[in-house]
Every structure is written in structure tokens, then in C-alpha cells.
PDB file of all heavy atoms in Angstrom:
ATOM      1  N   LEU A   1      39.069  49.552   4.394  1.00  0.00           N
ATOM      2  CA  LEU A   1      39.927  50.806   4.307  1.00  0.00           C
ATOM      3  C   LEU A   1      39.277  51.782   3.295  1.00  0.00           C
ATOM      4  O   LEU A   1      39.597  53.011   3.360  1.00  0.00           O
ATOM      5  CB  LEU A   1      41.276  50.436   3.967  1.00  0.00           C
ATOM      6  CG  LEU A   1      42.131  49.699   4.969  1.00  0.00           C
ATOM      7  CD1 LEU A   1      43.460  49.323   4.378  1.00  0.00           C
ATOM      8  CD2 LEU A   1      42.282  50.502   6.273  1.00  0.00           C
ATOM      9  N   PHE A   2      38.416  51.280   2.433  1.00  0.00           N
ATOM     10  CA  PHE A   2      37.988  52.128   1.328  1.00  0.00           C
ATOM     11  C   PHE A   2      36.559  52.641   1.431  1.00  0.00           C
ATOM     12  O   PHE A   2      36.185  53.749   1.064  1.00  0.00           O
ATOM     13  CB  PHE A   2      38.149  51.387  -0.005  1.00  0.00           C
ATOM     14  CG  PHE A   2      39.549  50.917  -0.265  1.00  0.00           C
ATOM     15  CD1 PHE A   2      39.897  49.585  -0.022  1.00  0.00           C
ATOM     16  CD2 PHE A   2      40.496  51.756  -0.705  1.00  0.00           C
ATOM     17  CE1 PHE A   2      41.225  49.176  -0.193  1.00  0.00           C
ATOM     18  CE2 PHE A   2      41.836  51.362  -0.931  1.00  0.00           C
ATOM     19  CZ  PHE A   2      42.132  50.024  -0.704  1.00  0.00           C
ATOM     20  N   GLN A   3      35.625  51.817   1.991  1.00  0.00           N
ATOM     21  CA  GLN A   3      34.245  52.221   2.045  1.00  0.00           C
ATOM     22  C   GLN A   3      33.454  51.464   3.049  1.00  0.00           C
ATOM     23  O   GLN A   3      33.958  50.483   3.658  1.00  0.00           O
ATOM     24  CB  GLN A   3      33.603  52.126   0.706  1.00  0.00           C
ATOM     25  CG  GLN A   3      33.307  50.689   0.246  1.00  0.00           C
ATOM     26  CD  GLN A   3      32.525  50.706  -1.082  1.00  0.00           C
ATOM     27  OE1 GLN A   3      33.106  50.528  -2.097  1.00  0.00           O
ATOM     28  NE2 GLN A   3      31.204  50.814  -0.977  1.00  0.00           N
ATOM     29  N   LYS A   4      32.220  51.906   3.273  1.00  0.00           N
ATOM     30  CA  LYS A   4      31.303  51.209   4.125  1.00  0.00           C
ATOM     31  C   LYS A   4      30.328  50.444   3.316  1.00  0.00           C
ATOM     32  O   LYS A   4      29.956  50.881   2.211  1.00  0.00           O
ATOM     33  CB  LYS A   4      30.558  52.202   5.022  1.00  0.00           C
ATOM     34  CG  LYS A   4      29.553  51.643   5.993  1.00  0.00           C
ATOM     35  CD  LYS A   4      28.945  52.675   6.883  1.00  0.00           C
ATOM     36  CE  LYS A   4      29.850  53.258   7.897  1.00  0.00           C
ATOM     37  NZ  LYS A   4      29.175  54.185   8.800  1.00  0.00           N
ATOM     38  N   TYR A   5      29.916  49.252   3.784  1.00  0.00           N
ATOM     39  CA  TYR A   5      29.010  48.371   3.060  1.00  0.00           C
ATOM     40  C   TYR A   5      27.747  48.215   3.860  1.00  0.00           C
ATOM     41  O   TYR A   5      27.757  48.123   5.097  1.00  0.00           O
ATOM     42  CB  TYR A   5      29.639  46.984   2.805  1.00  0.00           C
ATOM     43  CG  TYR A   5      30.962  47.037   2.066  1.00  0.00           C
ATOM     44  CD1 TYR A   5      32.182  47.167   2.718  1.00  0.00           C
ATOM     45  CD2 TYR A   5      30.960  47.089   0.638  1.00  0.00           C
ATOM     46  CE1 TYR A   5      33.352  47.296   2.038  1.00  0.00           C
ATOM     47  CE2 TYR A   5      32.103  47.172  -0.019  1.00  0.00           C
ATOM     48  CZ  TYR A   5      33.382  47.306   0.641  1.00  0.00           C
ATOM     49  OH  TYR A   5      34.573  47.411  -0.077  1.00  0.00           O
ATOM     50  N   PHE A   6      26.613  48.131   3.160  1.00  0.00           N
ATOM     51  CA  PHE A   6      25.320  47.938   3.802  1.00  0.00           C
ATOM     52  C   PHE A   6      24.635  46.696   3.255  1.00  0.00           C
ATOM     53  O   PHE A   6      24.644  46.434   2.037  1.00  0.00           O
ATOM     54  CB  PHE A   6      24.431  49.125   3.506  1.00  0.00           C
ATOM     55  CG  PHE A   6      24.965  50.429   4.097  1.00  0.00           C
ATOM     56  CD1 PHE A   6      25.725  51.288   3.352  1.00  0.00           C
ATOM     57  CD2 PHE A   6      24.659  50.804   5.406  1.00  0.00           C
ATOM     58  CE1 PHE A   6      26.241  52.436   3.896  1.00  0.00           C
ATOM     59  CE2 PHE A   6      25.151  51.966   5.966  1.00  0.00           C
ATOM     60  CZ  PHE A   6      25.962  52.808   5.191  1.00  0.00           C
ATOM     61  N   TYR A   7      24.006  45.894   4.179  1.00  0.00           N
ATOM     62  CA  TYR A   7      23.329  44.696   3.747  1.00  0.00           C
ATOM     63  C   TYR A   7      21.981  44.642   4.420  1.00  0.00           C
ATOM     64  O   TYR A   7      21.754  45.095   5.594  1.00  0.00           O
ATOM     65  CB  TYR A   7      24.112  43.442   4.184  1.00  0.00           C
ATOM     66  CG  TYR A   7      25.491  43.397   3.513  1.00  0.00           C
ATOM     67  CD1 TYR A   7      26.618  43.863   4.256  1.00  0.00           C
ATOM     68  CD2 TYR A   7      25.705  42.916   2.252  1.00  0.00           C
ATOM     69  CE1 TYR A   7      27.886  43.851   3.681  1.00  0.00           C
ATOM     70  CE2 TYR A   7      26.967  42.856   1.734  1.00  0.00           C
ATOM     71  CZ  TYR A   7      28.045  43.337   2.449  1.00  0.00           C
ATOM     72  OH  TYR A   7      29.271  43.360   1.858  1.00  0.00           O
ATOM     73  N   LEU A   8      21.028  44.075   3.707  1.00  0.00           N
ATOM     74  CA  LEU A   8      19.594  43.914   4.188  1.00  0.00           C
ATOM     75  C   LEU A   8      19.335  42.439   4.199  1.00  0.00           C
ATOM     76  O   LEU A   8      19.481  41.771   3.207  1.00  0.00           O
ATOM     77  CB  LEU A   8      18.651  44.644   3.360  1.00  0.00           C
ATOM     78  CG  LEU A   8      18.691  46.216   3.383  1.00  0.00           C
ATOM     79  CD1 LEU A   8      17.895  46.828   2.305  1.00  0.00           C
ATOM     80  CD2 LEU A   8      18.151  46.677   4.798  1.00  0.00           C
ATOM     81  N   THR A   9      18.871  41.912   5.360  1.00  0.00           N
ATOM     82  CA  THR A   9      18.603  40.505   5.526  1.00  0.00           C
ATOM     83  C   THR A   9      17.125  40.295   5.846  1.00  0.00           C
ATOM     84  O   THR A   9      16.628  40.895   6.761  1.00  0.00           O
ATOM     85  CB  THR A   9      19.483  39.889   6.645  1.00  0.00           C
ATOM     86  OG1 THR A   9      20.877  40.159   6.311  1.00  0.00           O
ATOM     87  CG2 THR A   9      19.259  38.416   6.727  1.00  0.00           C
ATOM     88  N   TYR A  10      16.496  39.334   5.124  1.00  0.00           N
ATOM     89  CA  TYR A  10      15.144  39.007   5.442  1.00  0.00           C
ATOM     90  C   TYR A  10      15.084  38.241   6.780  1.00  0.00           C
ATOM     91  O   TYR A  10      15.992  37.489   7.131  1.00  0.00           O
ATOM     92  CB  TYR A  10      14.561  38.146   4.306  1.00  0.00           C
ATOM     93  CG  TYR A  10      14.428  38.842   2.995  1.00  0.00           C
ATOM     94  CD1 TYR A  10      15.131  38.440   1.841  1.00  0.00           C
ATOM     95  CD2 TYR A  10      13.622  39.910   2.854  1.00  0.00           C
ATOM     96  CE1 TYR A  10      15.029  39.028   0.649  1.00  0.00           C
ATOM     97  CE2 TYR A  10      13.428  40.559   1.631  1.00  0.00           C
ATOM     98  CZ  TYR A  10      14.169  40.161   0.549  1.00  0.00           C
ATOM     99  OH  TYR A  10      14.080  40.758  -0.630  1.00  0.00           O
ATOM    100  N   THR A  11      13.968  38.490   7.492  1.00  0.00           N
ATOM    101  CA  THR A  11      13.893  37.911   8.830  1.00  0.00           C
ATOM    102  C   THR A  11      12.546  37.117   9.065  1.00  0.00           C
ATOM    103  O   THR A  11      12.412  36.524  10.158  1.00  0.00           O
ATOM    104  CB  THR A  11      13.912  39.016   9.898  1.00  0.00           C
ATOM    105  OG1 THR A  11      12.822  39.953   9.661  1.00  0.00           O
ATOM    106  CG2 THR A  11      15.217  39.798   9.789  1.00  0.00           C
ATOM    107  N   GLN A  12      11.667  37.126   8.144  1.00  0.00           N
ATOM    108  CA  GLN A  12      10.370  36.506   8.322  1.00  0.00           C
ATOM    109  C   GLN A  12      10.018  35.572   7.167  1.00  0.00           C
ATOM    110  O   GLN A  12      10.392  35.771   6.016  1.00  0.00           O
ATOM    111  CB  GLN A  12       9.252  37.532   8.421  1.00  0.00           C
ATOM    112  CG  GLN A  12       9.397  38.463   9.725  1.00  0.00           C
ATOM    113  CD  GLN A  12       8.255  39.424   9.861  1.00  0.00           C
ATOM    114  OE1 GLN A  12       7.599  39.801   8.842  1.00  0.00           O
ATOM    115  NE2 GLN A  12       7.913  39.777  11.048  1.00  0.00           N
ATOM    116  N   GLY A  13       9.190  34.549   7.473  1.00  0.00           N
ATOM    117  CA  GLY A  13       8.772  33.621   6.495  1.00  0.00           C
ATOM    118  C   GLY A  13       7.634  32.756   6.924  1.00  0.00           C
ATOM    119  O   GLY A  13       7.270  32.760   8.111  1.00  0.00           O
ATOM    120  N   VAL A  14       7.056  31.981   6.045  1.00  0.00           N
ATOM    121  CA  VAL A  14       6.050  30.973   6.375  1.00  0.00           C
ATOM    122  C   VAL A  14       6.584  29.618   5.836  1.00  0.00           C
ATOM    123  O   VAL A  14       6.970  29.515   4.646  1.00  0.00           O
ATOM    124  CB  VAL A  14       4.726  31.293   5.680  1.00  0.00           C
ATOM    125  CG1 VAL A  14       3.669  30.182   5.999  1.00  0.00           C
ATOM    126  CG2 VAL A  14       4.196  32.670   6.167  1.00  0.00           C
ATOM    127  N   MET A  15       6.630  28.619   6.666  1.00  0.00           N
ATOM    128  CA  MET A  15       7.147  27.333   6.300  1.00  0.00           C
ATOM    129  C   MET A  15       6.337  26.781   5.095  1.00  0.00           C
ATOM    130  O   MET A  15       5.151  26.910   5.030  1.00  0.00           O
ATOM    131  CB  MET A  15       7.108  26.314   7.402  1.00  0.00           C
ATOM    132  CG  MET A  15       7.961  26.743   8.639  1.00  0.00           C
ATOM    133  SD  MET A  15       9.703  26.999   8.232  1.00  0.00           S
ATOM    134  CE  MET A  15      10.161  25.343   7.702  1.00  0.00           C
ATOM    135  N   MET A  16       7.029  26.170   4.127  1.00  0.00           N
ATOM    136  CA  MET A  16       6.381  25.683   2.926  1.00  0.00           C
ATOM    137  C   MET A  16       5.381  24.559   3.241  1.00  0.00           C
ATOM    138  O   MET A  16       4.401  24.390   2.500  1.00  0.00           O
ATOM    139  CB  MET A  16       7.386  25.248   1.878  1.00  0.00           C
ATOM    140  CG  MET A  16       7.896  26.409   0.986  1.00  0.00           C
ATOM    141  SD  MET A  16       6.600  27.347   0.154  1.00  0.00           S
ATOM    142  CE  MET A  16       5.661  26.045  -0.723  1.00  0.00           C
ATOM    143  N   TYR A  17       5.618  23.800   4.285  1.00  0.00           N
ATOM    144  CA  TYR A  17       4.621  22.715   4.607  1.00  0.00           C
ATOM    145  C   TYR A  17       3.324  23.350   5.039  1.00  0.00           C
ATOM    146  O   TYR A  17       2.221  22.753   4.877  1.00  0.00           O
ATOM    147  CB  TYR A  17       5.180  21.751   5.607  1.00  0.00           C
ATOM    148  CG  TYR A  17       5.553  22.320   6.940  1.00  0.00           C
ATOM    149  CD1 TYR A  17       4.646  22.710   7.922  1.00  0.00           C
ATOM    150  CD2 TYR A  17       6.918  22.437   7.277  1.00  0.00           C
ATOM    151  CE1 TYR A  17       4.985  23.168   9.180  1.00  0.00           C
ATOM    152  CE2 TYR A  17       7.320  22.928   8.539  1.00  0.00           C
ATOM    153  CZ  TYR A  17       6.340  23.250   9.439  1.00  0.00           C
ATOM    154  OH  TYR A  17       6.710  23.809  10.656  1.00  0.00           O
ATOM    155  N   GLU A  18       3.358  24.586   5.575  1.00  0.00           N
ATOM    156  CA  GLU A  18       2.119  25.278   5.863  1.00  0.00           C
ATOM    157  C   GLU A  18       1.434  25.850   4.651  1.00  0.00           C
ATOM    158  O   GLU A  18       0.253  25.798   4.469  1.00  0.00           O
ATOM    159  CB  GLU A  18       2.370  26.455   6.877  1.00  0.00           C
ATOM    160  CG  GLU A  18       2.941  25.995   8.209  1.00  0.00           C
ATOM    161  CD  GLU A  18       1.980  25.277   9.082  1.00  0.00           C
ATOM    162  OE1 GLU A  18       0.788  25.104   8.667  1.00  0.00           O
ATOM    163  OE2 GLU A  18       2.307  24.968  10.247  1.00  0.00           O
ATOM    164  N   ILE A  19       2.298  26.335   3.730  1.00  0.00           N
ATOM    165  CA  ILE A  19       1.735  26.862   2.429  1.00  0.00           C
ATOM    166  C   ILE A  19       1.104  25.730   1.638  1.00  0.00           C
ATOM    167  O   ILE A  19      -0.001  25.873   1.051  1.00  0.00           O
ATOM    168  CB  ILE A  19       2.805  27.565   1.591  1.00  0.00           C
ATOM    169  CG1 ILE A  19       3.348  28.771   2.355  1.00  0.00           C
ATOM    170  CG2 ILE A  19       2.264  27.951   0.223  1.00  0.00           C
ATOM    171  CD1 ILE A  19       2.355  29.867   2.513  1.00  0.00           C
ATOM    172  N   ARG A  20       1.714  24.532   1.718  1.00  0.00           N
ATOM    173  CA  ARG A  20       1.151  23.390   1.019  1.00  0.00           C
ATOM    174  C   ARG A  20      -0.223  23.030   1.533  1.00  0.00           C
ATOM    175  O   ARG A  20      -1.155  22.691   0.749  1.00  0.00           O
ATOM    176  CB  ARG A  20       2.100  22.176   1.137  1.00  0.00           C
ATOM    177  CG  ARG A  20       1.585  20.974   0.474  1.00  0.00           C
ATOM    178  CD  ARG A  20       2.558  19.837   0.393  1.00  0.00           C
ATOM    179  NE  ARG A  20       2.185  18.741  -0.416  1.00  0.00           N
ATOM    180  CZ  ARG A  20       2.894  17.739  -0.817  1.00  0.00           C
ATOM    181  NH1 ARG A  20       4.167  17.681  -0.396  1.00  0.00           N
ATOM    182  NH2 ARG A  20       2.467  16.727  -1.545  1.00  0.00           N
ATOM    183  N   LYS A  21      -0.407  23.124   2.824  1.00  0.00           N
ATOM    184  CA  LYS A  21      -1.769  22.850   3.398  1.00  0.00           C
ATOM    185  C   LYS A  21      -2.767  23.885   2.891  1.00  0.00           C
ATOM    186  O   LYS A  21      -3.889  23.571   2.566  1.00  0.00           O
ATOM    187  CB  LYS A  21      -1.679  22.923   4.904  1.00  0.00           C
ATOM    188  CG  LYS A  21      -0.822  21.830   5.570  1.00  0.00           C
ATOM    189  CD  LYS A  21      -0.772  22.048   7.080  1.00  0.00           C
ATOM    190  CE  LYS A  21       0.194  21.108   7.759  1.00  0.00           C
ATOM    191  NZ  LYS A  21       0.332  21.449   9.219  1.00  0.00           N
ATOM    192  N   LEU A  22      -2.335  25.167   2.811  1.00  0.00           N
ATOM    193  CA  LEU A  22      -3.227  26.205   2.335  1.00  0.00           C
ATOM    194  C   LEU A  22      -3.595  26.022   0.856  1.00  0.00           C
ATOM    195  O   LEU A  22      -4.691  26.395   0.457  1.00  0.00           O
ATOM    196  CB  LEU A  22      -2.557  27.576   2.528  1.00  0.00           C
ATOM    197  CG  LEU A  22      -2.300  28.025   3.966  1.00  0.00           C
ATOM    198  CD1 LEU A  22      -1.606  29.337   4.029  1.00  0.00           C
ATOM    199  CD2 LEU A  22      -3.628  28.047   4.797  1.00  0.00           C
ATOM    200  N   MET A  23      -2.659  25.467   0.084  1.00  0.00           N
ATOM    201  CA  MET A  23      -2.974  25.261  -1.366  1.00  0.00           C
ATOM    202  C   MET A  23      -3.972  24.114  -1.525  1.00  0.00           C
ATOM    203  O   MET A  23      -4.614  24.059  -2.609  1.00  0.00           O
ATOM    204  CB  MET A  23      -1.638  24.945  -2.070  1.00  0.00           C
ATOM    205  CG  MET A  23      -0.702  26.099  -2.216  1.00  0.00           C
ATOM    206  SD  MET A  23       0.647  25.894  -3.373  1.00  0.00           S
ATOM    207  CE  MET A  23       1.596  24.598  -2.524  1.00  0.00           C
ATOM    208  N   ASN A  24      -4.033  23.174  -0.545  1.00  0.00           N
ATOM    209  CA  ASN A  24      -4.999  22.121  -0.623  1.00  0.00           C
ATOM    210  C   ASN A  24      -4.934  21.303  -1.913  1.00  0.00           C
ATOM    211  O   ASN A  24      -5.943  20.994  -2.521  1.00  0.00           O
ATOM    212  CB  ASN A  24      -6.443  22.668  -0.442  1.00  0.00           C
ATOM    213  CG  ASN A  24      -7.405  21.577  -0.061  1.00  0.00           C
ATOM    214  OD1 ASN A  24      -7.094  20.569   0.464  1.00  0.00           O
ATOM    215  ND2 ASN A  24      -8.727  21.804  -0.442  1.00  0.00           N
ATOM    216  N   ILE A  25      -3.778  20.954  -2.295  1.00  0.00           N
ATOM    217  CA  ILE A  25      -3.556  20.179  -3.530  1.00  0.00           C
ATOM    218  C   ILE A  25      -3.399  18.720  -3.166  1.00  0.00           C
ATOM    219  O   ILE A  25      -2.657  18.339  -2.246  1.00  0.00           O
ATOM    220  CB  ILE A  25      -2.241  20.581  -4.224  1.00  0.00           C
ATOM    221  CG1 ILE A  25      -2.291  22.079  -4.680  1.00  0.00           C
ATOM    222  CG2 ILE A  25      -1.974  19.712  -5.462  1.00  0.00           C
ATOM    223  CD1 ILE A  25      -1.011  22.560  -5.244  1.00  0.00           C
ATOM    224  N   GLN A  26      -4.204  17.894  -3.772  1.00  0.00           N
ATOM    225  CA  GLN A  26      -4.115  16.476  -3.567  1.00  0.00           C
ATOM    226  C   GLN A  26      -2.764  15.915  -3.985  1.00  0.00           C
ATOM    227  O   GLN A  26      -2.197  16.305  -5.005  1.00  0.00           O
ATOM    228  CB  GLN A  26      -5.231  15.760  -4.251  1.00  0.00           C
ATOM    229  CG  GLN A  26      -6.650  16.018  -3.730  1.00  0.00           C
ATOM    230  CD  GLN A  26      -7.699  15.094  -4.440  1.00  0.00           C
ATOM    231  OE1 GLN A  26      -7.391  14.473  -5.310  1.00  0.00           O
ATOM    232  NE2 GLN A  26      -8.902  15.228  -3.916  1.00  0.00           N
ATOM    233  N   ALA A  27      -2.210  15.013  -3.156  1.00  0.00           N
ATOM    234  CA  ALA A  27      -0.887  14.426  -3.525  1.00  0.00           C
ATOM    235  C   ALA A  27      -0.957  13.766  -4.899  1.00  0.00           C
ATOM    236  O   ALA A  27      -1.948  13.025  -5.231  1.00  0.00           O
ATOM    237  CB  ALA A  27      -0.488  13.424  -2.438  1.00  0.00           C
ATOM    238  N   GLN A  28       0.135  13.937  -5.699  1.00  0.00           N
ATOM    239  CA  GLN A  28       0.165  13.306  -6.961  1.00  0.00           C
ATOM    240  C   GLN A  28       0.471  11.839  -6.842  1.00  0.00           C
ATOM    241  O   GLN A  28       1.386  11.435  -6.048  1.00  0.00           O
ATOM    242  CB  GLN A  28       1.225  13.978  -7.823  1.00  0.00           C
ATOM    243  CG  GLN A  28       1.006  15.446  -8.094  1.00  0.00           C
ATOM    244  CD  GLN A  28       2.016  16.014  -9.019  1.00  0.00           C
ATOM    245  OE1 GLN A  28       1.903  15.905 -10.240  1.00  0.00           O
ATOM    246  NE2 GLN A  28       3.049  16.666  -8.521  1.00  0.00           N
ATOM    247  N   PRO A  29      -0.242  10.950  -7.510  1.00  0.00           N
ATOM    248  CA  PRO A  29      -0.030   9.546  -7.343  1.00  0.00           C
ATOM    249  C   PRO A  29       1.346   9.128  -7.962  1.00  0.00           C
ATOM    250  O   PRO A  29       1.728   9.702  -9.003  1.00  0.00           O
ATOM    251  CB  PRO A  29      -1.193   8.897  -8.147  1.00  0.00           C
ATOM    252  CG  PRO A  29      -1.592   9.948  -9.095  1.00  0.00           C
ATOM    253  CD  PRO A  29      -1.397  11.275  -8.444  1.00  0.00           C
TER     254      PRO A  29
END
């Protein structure tokens, strides 16, 4: 009744398991 509200929502991403591959870090023992 008092005002209009505006929201922005992110829509894109890269799965972290893909980023982990790109980082090429050896698994910690």
C-alpha cells in the first residue's frame, strides 16, 4: 500500500567442482 519494491537476482554461475579442476590443486592428505 505504501511503495514499490525492486529486487535483482543473479542468474549465472560456474559450479565449484569445475573451478576446483581449474585450480589444479592436489588433494590434501
